[in-house]
Protein backbone atom coordinates (compact mmCIF):
# COMPACT_ATOMS: atom_id res chain seq x y z
CA MET A 1 -36.61 32.73 3.89
CA LYS A 2 -37.81 29.20 4.31
CA PRO A 3 -35.63 27.50 1.76
CA MET A 4 -32.55 29.44 3.32
CA VAL A 5 -33.57 27.86 6.66
CA SER A 6 -33.95 24.24 5.29
CA LEU A 7 -30.86 24.71 3.48
CA GLY A 8 -29.05 25.92 6.75
CA LYS A 9 -30.67 22.65 8.47
CA LEU A 10 -29.21 20.54 5.61
CA ALA A 11 -25.55 21.96 5.79
CA GLY A 12 -25.64 21.57 9.66
CA LYS A 13 -26.80 17.95 9.20
CA LEU A 14 -24.10 17.16 6.70
CA TRP A 15 -21.28 18.85 8.72
CA TRP A 16 -22.23 16.65 11.88
CA ALA A 17 -22.46 13.73 9.47
CA GLY A 18 -18.67 14.56 8.50
CA PHE A 19 -17.78 15.38 11.81
CA ARG A 20 -18.97 11.82 13.38
CA ASP A 21 -17.42 9.95 10.54
CA ALA A 22 -13.94 11.47 11.42
CA CYS A 23 -14.40 10.55 15.02
CA CYS A 24 -14.75 6.84 13.71
CA LEU A 25 -11.28 5.99 14.84
CA HIS A 26 -12.27 2.15 15.13
CA ARG A 27 -11.78 2.08 11.42
CA ALA A 28 -8.21 3.17 11.69
CA LEU A 29 -7.71 0.48 14.21
CA ALA A 30 -9.43 -2.14 12.08
CA SER A 31 -6.96 -1.19 9.45
CA CYS A 32 -3.71 -1.75 11.46
CA LYS A 33 -5.18 -5.08 12.83
CA ARG A 34 -5.90 -6.25 9.24
CA SER A 35 -2.43 -5.22 7.76
CA ARG A 36 0.68 -5.46 9.62
CA ARG A 37 2.34 -2.75 7.12
CA VAL A 38 -0.22 -0.43 8.04
CA TYR A 39 0.60 -1.29 11.72
CA VAL A 40 4.45 -0.69 11.47
CA LYS A 41 4.07 2.43 9.48
CA THR A 42 1.61 3.97 11.76
CA GLY A 43 3.85 3.24 14.78
CA GLN A 44 6.83 4.59 13.05
CA CYS A 45 4.86 8.07 12.58
CA PHE A 46 3.74 7.96 16.31
CA LEU A 47 7.75 7.29 17.29
CA LEU A 48 8.86 10.06 14.61
CA ASN A 49 6.40 12.85 15.52
CA GLY A 50 5.77 12.06 19.02
CA CYS A 51 8.65 10.72 20.86
CA ILE A 52 11.61 12.41 18.73
CA PHE A 53 10.05 15.79 17.25
CA LEU A 54 7.68 16.59 20.05
CA GLY A 55 9.90 15.31 22.60
CA SER A 56 12.76 17.64 21.09
CA ILE A 57 10.61 20.43 21.73
CA LEU A 58 9.71 19.13 25.35
CA VAL A 59 13.23 18.74 25.92
CA LEU A 60 14.13 22.26 24.89
CA GLN A 61 11.33 24.19 26.39
CA GLN A 62 10.93 22.21 29.71
CA LEU A 63 14.60 21.34 30.47
CA LEU A 64 17.35 23.12 28.13
CA VAL A 65 15.44 26.65 28.46
CA PRO A 66 14.94 26.69 32.37
CA THR A 67 18.53 25.05 32.85
CA LEU A 68 20.16 27.95 30.53
CA ARG A 69 18.00 30.76 32.15
CA TRP A 70 19.16 29.62 35.58
CA LEU A 71 22.69 29.59 34.75
CA LEU A 72 22.81 32.89 33.16
CA ASN A 73 20.90 34.29 36.06
CA ALA A 74 23.48 33.13 38.64
CA GLN A 75 26.18 34.10 36.43
CA SER A 76 24.98 37.51 36.13
CA GLN A 77 23.74 37.97 39.87
CA ALA A 78 27.20 37.10 41.03
CA PRO A 79 29.25 39.87 42.28
CA SER A 80 32.05 41.12 40.30
CA GLY A 81 34.93 43.44 41.59
CA SER A 82 33.85 45.93 44.21
CA ASP A 83 30.47 46.97 42.99
CA GLY A 84 28.10 44.03 42.70
CA VAL A 85 25.14 46.18 42.08
CA ASP A 86 26.44 47.64 38.89
CA ALA A 87 27.91 44.25 37.67
CA LYS A 88 24.41 42.72 38.26
CA GLY A 89 22.78 45.73 36.56
CA SER A 90 25.25 45.16 33.31
CA GLY A 91 24.98 41.66 33.22
CA GLU A 92 21.22 41.01 33.05
CA PRO A 93 20.60 42.25 29.60
CA VAL A 94 23.84 40.54 28.44
CA SER A 95 22.18 37.03 29.89
CA SER A 96 19.23 38.00 28.14
CA MET A 97 20.92 38.17 24.82
CA LEU A 98 22.80 34.96 25.27
CA GLN A 99 19.77 33.41 26.19
CA THR A 100 17.78 34.27 23.20
CA LEU A 101 20.97 33.72 20.99
CA VAL A 102 21.45 30.15 22.32
CA VAL A 103 17.63 29.41 21.97
CA GLY A 104 17.66 30.78 18.34
CA LEU A 105 20.48 28.45 17.44
CA CYS A 106 18.70 25.55 18.83
CA TYR A 107 15.69 26.35 16.70
CA VAL A 108 17.67 27.08 13.69
CA PHE A 109 20.00 23.93 13.95
CA TRP A 110 17.88 21.62 15.69
CA LEU A 111 14.32 21.97 15.42
CA TYR A 112 13.69 23.51 12.20
CA PRO A 113 15.95 20.62 10.33
CA LEU A 114 14.18 18.01 12.35
CA TYR A 115 11.03 19.47 11.19
CA ILE A 116 11.83 19.51 7.58
CA ILE A 117 13.34 16.19 7.57
CA SER A 118 10.22 14.56 9.62
CA ALA A 119 8.01 16.21 7.29
CA ILE A 120 9.68 14.73 4.09
CA ILE A 121 9.54 11.23 5.78
CA ASN A 122 5.88 12.07 6.68
CA CYS A 123 4.97 12.43 3.26
CA ILE A 124 6.31 9.13 2.08
CA TRP A 125 5.13 7.24 4.89
CA TYR A 126 1.16 8.82 4.61
CA ASN A 127 1.54 7.65 0.92
CA GLU A 128 2.53 3.94 1.95
CA ILE A 129 -0.23 3.99 4.79
CA ALA A 130 -2.92 5.07 2.64
CA ARG A 131 -1.94 2.52 -0.22
CA HIS A 132 -1.85 -0.37 2.08
CA ALA A 133 -5.17 0.60 3.68
CA PHE A 134 -6.73 1.02 -0.02
CA GLU A 135 -5.23 -2.74 -0.75
CA ILE A 136 -6.91 -4.20 1.98
CA LEU A 137 -10.02 -2.67 1.36
CA ASP A 138 -9.89 -3.81 -2.21
CA GLU A 139 -9.07 -7.17 -1.19
CA GLY A 140 -11.85 -7.39 1.40
CA GLY A 141 -14.27 -6.72 -1.33
CA LYS A 142 -15.65 -3.67 0.08
CA PRO A 143 -16.44 -0.88 -2.49
CA VAL A 144 -13.48 1.49 -2.35
CA SER A 145 -15.83 4.26 -3.80
CA ALA A 146 -19.56 4.15 -4.17
CA GLN A 147 -20.84 5.72 -7.59
CA GLY A 148 -20.92 9.08 -7.84
CA SER A 149 -24.10 11.14 -8.28
CA GLY A 150 -25.23 13.69 -10.38
CA LYS A 151 -22.61 15.28 -12.49
CA VAL A 152 -20.05 13.44 -10.96
CA LYS A 153 -19.09 10.28 -12.96
CA ALA A 154 -17.57 7.20 -12.05
CA PRO A 155 -13.74 6.97 -11.17
CA GLY A 156 -11.86 7.44 -14.33
CA THR A 157 -14.32 8.32 -16.82
CA LEU A 158 -13.17 11.86 -16.93
CA ARG A 159 -10.08 10.77 -18.57
CA SER A 160 -10.28 10.02 -22.40
CA LYS A 161 -11.08 6.28 -22.94
CA SER A 162 -8.68 6.51 -26.47
CA SER A 163 -5.38 7.70 -24.45
CA THR A 164 -2.76 5.13 -24.47
CA PRO A 165 -0.91 4.10 -21.03
CA ILE A 166 2.08 6.59 -21.68
CA GLU A 167 -0.63 9.31 -22.24
CA SER A 168 -2.50 8.32 -19.13
CA ILE A 169 0.86 8.48 -17.18
CA VAL A 170 1.61 11.72 -18.35
CA LEU A 171 -1.81 13.00 -17.59
CA GLY A 172 -1.71 11.78 -14.09
CA ILE A 173 1.53 13.15 -13.31
CA GLY A 174 0.17 16.68 -14.88
CA GLU A 175 -2.61 16.41 -12.54
CA GLN A 176 -0.19 15.69 -9.55
CA ILE A 177 1.85 18.63 -10.35
CA TYR A 178 -1.20 20.92 -10.79
CA SER A 179 -3.01 19.49 -7.42
CA ILE A 180 0.35 20.19 -5.32
CA LEU A 181 0.54 23.73 -6.81
CA MET A 182 -3.21 24.34 -6.32
CA VAL A 183 -3.09 23.22 -2.52
CA SER A 184 0.13 25.40 -1.92
CA VAL A 185 -1.97 28.52 -2.96
CA PHE A 186 -4.78 27.35 -1.07
CA PHE A 187 -2.63 26.89 2.21
CA VAL A 188 -1.13 30.52 1.39
CA GLU A 189 -5.25 31.55 1.58
CA VAL A 190 -5.66 29.95 4.73
CA PHE A 191 -2.30 31.62 6.41
CA ALA A 192 -3.85 35.02 4.94
CA ALA A 193 -7.26 34.59 6.37
CA SER A 194 -6.23 34.43 9.87
CA PHE A 195 -4.99 37.99 9.63
CA ILE A 196 -8.57 39.20 8.84
CA PRO A 197 -9.67 41.04 11.69
CA TYR A 198 -13.12 39.69 13.89
CA VAL A 199 -13.52 37.12 11.53
CA GLY A 200 -9.97 35.57 10.74
CA PRO A 201 -10.06 32.93 13.24
CA LEU A 202 -13.18 31.54 12.32
CA LEU A 203 -12.35 31.64 8.42
CA ASN A 204 -9.19 30.19 9.13
CA PHE A 205 -10.72 27.25 11.26
CA VAL A 206 -13.40 26.41 8.24
CA LEU A 207 -10.49 26.84 5.52
CA LEU A 208 -8.13 24.56 7.58
CA SER A 209 -10.97 21.98 7.81
CA TRP A 210 -11.32 21.83 3.91
CA LEU A 211 -7.82 21.53 3.56
CA TYR A 212 -7.19 18.64 6.10
CA ALA A 213 -10.11 16.94 4.43
CA TYR A 214 -9.01 17.29 1.11
CA TYR A 215 -5.56 15.93 2.21
CA CYS A 216 -7.22 13.04 3.92
CA PHE A 217 -9.51 11.96 0.83
CA ASP A 218 -6.97 12.78 -1.73
CA TYR A 219 -4.82 9.52 -1.30
CA LYS A 220 -7.79 7.55 -1.49
CA TRP A 221 -9.29 9.15 -4.57
CA GLY A 222 -5.72 8.98 -6.21
CA PHE A 223 -5.56 5.24 -5.85
CA ALA A 224 -9.11 5.00 -6.97
CA ARG A 225 -7.93 6.70 -10.28
CA TRP A 226 -10.27 9.83 -9.82
CA SER A 227 -9.14 12.43 -12.10
CA LEU A 228 -8.70 16.05 -10.33
CA GLU A 229 -11.71 17.40 -11.91
CA LYS A 230 -13.85 14.70 -10.48
CA ARG A 231 -12.15 15.26 -6.81
CA LEU A 232 -12.93 19.13 -6.92
CA ASN A 233 -16.32 18.35 -8.21
CA PHE A 234 -17.29 16.06 -5.58
CA PHE A 235 -15.62 17.90 -2.83
CA GLU A 236 -16.93 21.21 -3.44
CA THR A 237 -20.68 19.97 -4.00
CA ASN A 238 -20.37 18.19 -0.56
CA TRP A 239 -18.51 20.86 1.23
CA ALA A 240 -20.48 21.07 4.31
CA PHE A 241 -19.66 17.29 4.85
CA PHE A 242 -15.96 17.76 4.37
CA ALA A 243 -15.94 20.90 6.52
CA GLY A 244 -17.45 18.79 9.55
CA PHE A 245 -14.84 15.91 8.25
CA GLY A 246 -11.79 18.25 8.69
CA SER A 247 -13.21 19.80 12.27
CA PRO A 248 -11.71 17.42 14.41
CA CYS A 249 -8.34 17.51 13.12
CA VAL A 250 -8.25 21.50 13.42
CA ILE A 251 -9.60 21.28 17.01
CA ALA A 252 -6.97 18.94 18.01
CA THR A 253 -4.44 21.15 16.95
CA PHE A 254 -6.18 24.75 16.97
CA PHE A 255 -4.85 25.93 20.42
CA PHE A 256 -1.10 25.02 20.36
CA SER A 257 1.84 26.68 18.79
CA PRO A 258 2.94 26.30 15.30
CA LEU A 259 5.53 23.78 15.90
CA VAL A 260 3.58 21.62 18.69
CA SER A 261 0.37 21.84 16.47
CA ALA A 262 2.40 20.58 13.42
CA GLY A 263 3.92 17.67 15.49
CA VAL A 264 0.42 16.50 17.16
CA MET A 265 -1.14 17.02 13.61
CA ALA A 266 1.62 14.75 11.99
CA ILE A 267 0.91 12.11 14.68
CA LEU A 268 -3.10 12.16 14.29
CA PHE A 269 -2.87 12.42 10.46
CA PRO A 270 -2.37 8.78 9.74
CA LEU A 271 -5.27 7.97 11.74
CA PHE A 272 -7.60 10.25 9.90
CA VAL A 273 -6.35 9.17 6.52
CA LEU A 274 -7.16 5.35 7.72
CA VAL A 275 -10.39 6.69 8.60
CA ALA A 276 -10.98 8.77 5.12
CA THR A 277 -9.78 5.61 3.23
CA ALA A 278 -12.31 3.48 4.92
CA SER A 279 -15.15 5.93 4.78
CA ASN A 280 -17.90 6.11 1.97
CA PRO A 281 -18.68 9.76 1.83
CA GLU A 282 -21.36 9.11 -1.06
CA GLU A 283 -23.32 6.74 1.20
CA VAL A 284 -23.35 9.05 4.05
CA VAL A 285 -24.64 11.99 2.01
CA SER A 286 -27.41 9.90 0.28
CA ARG A 287 -28.12 8.71 3.63
CA CYS A 288 -28.52 12.36 4.90
CA MET A 289 -30.74 13.06 2.05
CA GLY A 290 -33.10 10.09 2.79
CA GLY A 291 -31.36 7.41 0.99
CA ASN A 292 -31.88 9.00 -2.43
CA ASN A 293 -29.11 8.70 -4.55
CA ARG A 294 -28.38 12.06 -5.45
CA ASP A 295 -26.08 15.09 -4.69
CA SER A 296 -26.14 16.91 -1.05
CA GLY A 297 -28.96 19.59 -2.43
CA LEU A 298 -26.45 22.38 -1.86
CA CYS A 299 -24.84 24.52 -4.52
CA ARG A 300 -21.25 23.67 -5.38
CA LEU A 301 -18.99 26.19 -3.22
CA PRO A 302 -16.03 27.23 -5.14
CA ILE A 303 -13.57 26.57 -2.57
CA PHE A 304 -10.65 26.27 -4.63
CA TYR A 305 -11.38 29.07 -7.31
CA PHE A 306 -8.86 31.53 -6.20
CA ALA A 307 -6.24 28.75 -5.85
CA ASN A 308 -7.15 27.53 -9.35
CA LYS A 309 -6.95 31.20 -10.88
CA VAL A 310 -3.62 31.29 -9.61
CA THR A 311 -2.29 28.21 -10.52
CA LEU A 312 -3.30 28.30 -14.17
CA PRO A 313 -0.95 31.52 -15.02
CA LEU A 314 1.76 29.66 -13.29
CA LEU A 315 1.47 26.56 -15.48
CA LYS A 316 1.25 28.85 -18.58
CA LEU A 317 4.36 30.51 -17.83
CA LEU A 318 6.17 26.95 -17.87
CA GLN A 319 4.49 25.85 -21.18
CA PRO A 320 6.31 28.35 -23.54
CA GLN A 321 9.41 27.70 -22.33
CA SER A 322 9.02 24.10 -22.78
CA ARG A 323 7.78 24.64 -26.57
CA SER A 324 10.73 26.92 -27.56
CA THR A 325 13.28 24.39 -25.97
CA SER A 326 11.66 21.70 -27.89
CA ARG A 327 11.70 23.49 -31.09
CA LYS A 328 15.51 24.39 -30.67
CA LYS A 329 16.22 20.46 -30.17
CA THR A 330 14.46 19.78 -33.24
CA GLN A 331 16.51 22.61 -35.11
């Protein structure tokens, strides 16, 4: 019983360390001060997602919908012919249908396309923000990543030393495709977990925290040339820290509607990416362990186990097709 209590206390301590680390927004401000590119791109994210996207939702919900409701209600309540009561009774369903139709068209032809376009632009800008932040850290002489501990090796050592540059590029592209598929499957997991009775909201919160934390650190690990195996190993070994790091991201969006939460997260996400880029989770975990250079002391939690099990068959389905096509070309 005592080992379980001590492990629980350690997990809580690491969770709080990750939560506190994510709230160090002064690191994001410092990156914006040191790099004009980071400052400009972060400002563009605020403009696109705050003013344009969230502003569009605000205009639709607080201006257009009430105005449309007022106009349709006024039209339906206007007496028509000799029997105004019958006209009013028959007009209310029609006005309700028209309101639903117009609002639905606004979502289909306005908000949803704007959401898709802004999501694509955000992916490009987030990558640029993380890259510029990583460059100024590297130029400033700070270690972009401390050496891993335990089974986690130094960056790049999990790849073959004898591989050529072309093989390294191909391997990197393959890992990136696999990572995208894996995270997509994990996102479906997060969505499905919300429908579980009783524990669904709590499980959804924890899984979302891990998802956001992985997204934030994945940019830094990619630029540091960490292999996918190393990323997953380090993330799943220090799962308590990353659950805490992703919690502020989830808290900021957990109580809004899906579209509004997406807009709020799109505004805050560059800040958390900058915080993650300037963070040193290895040092934080080591400090929680009393300054010893070793793992967190917790067992590795297979967070992406199901996502990996689903992603591998998808890639195996594509592999025979590529081989058959190559054989046809050689023949």
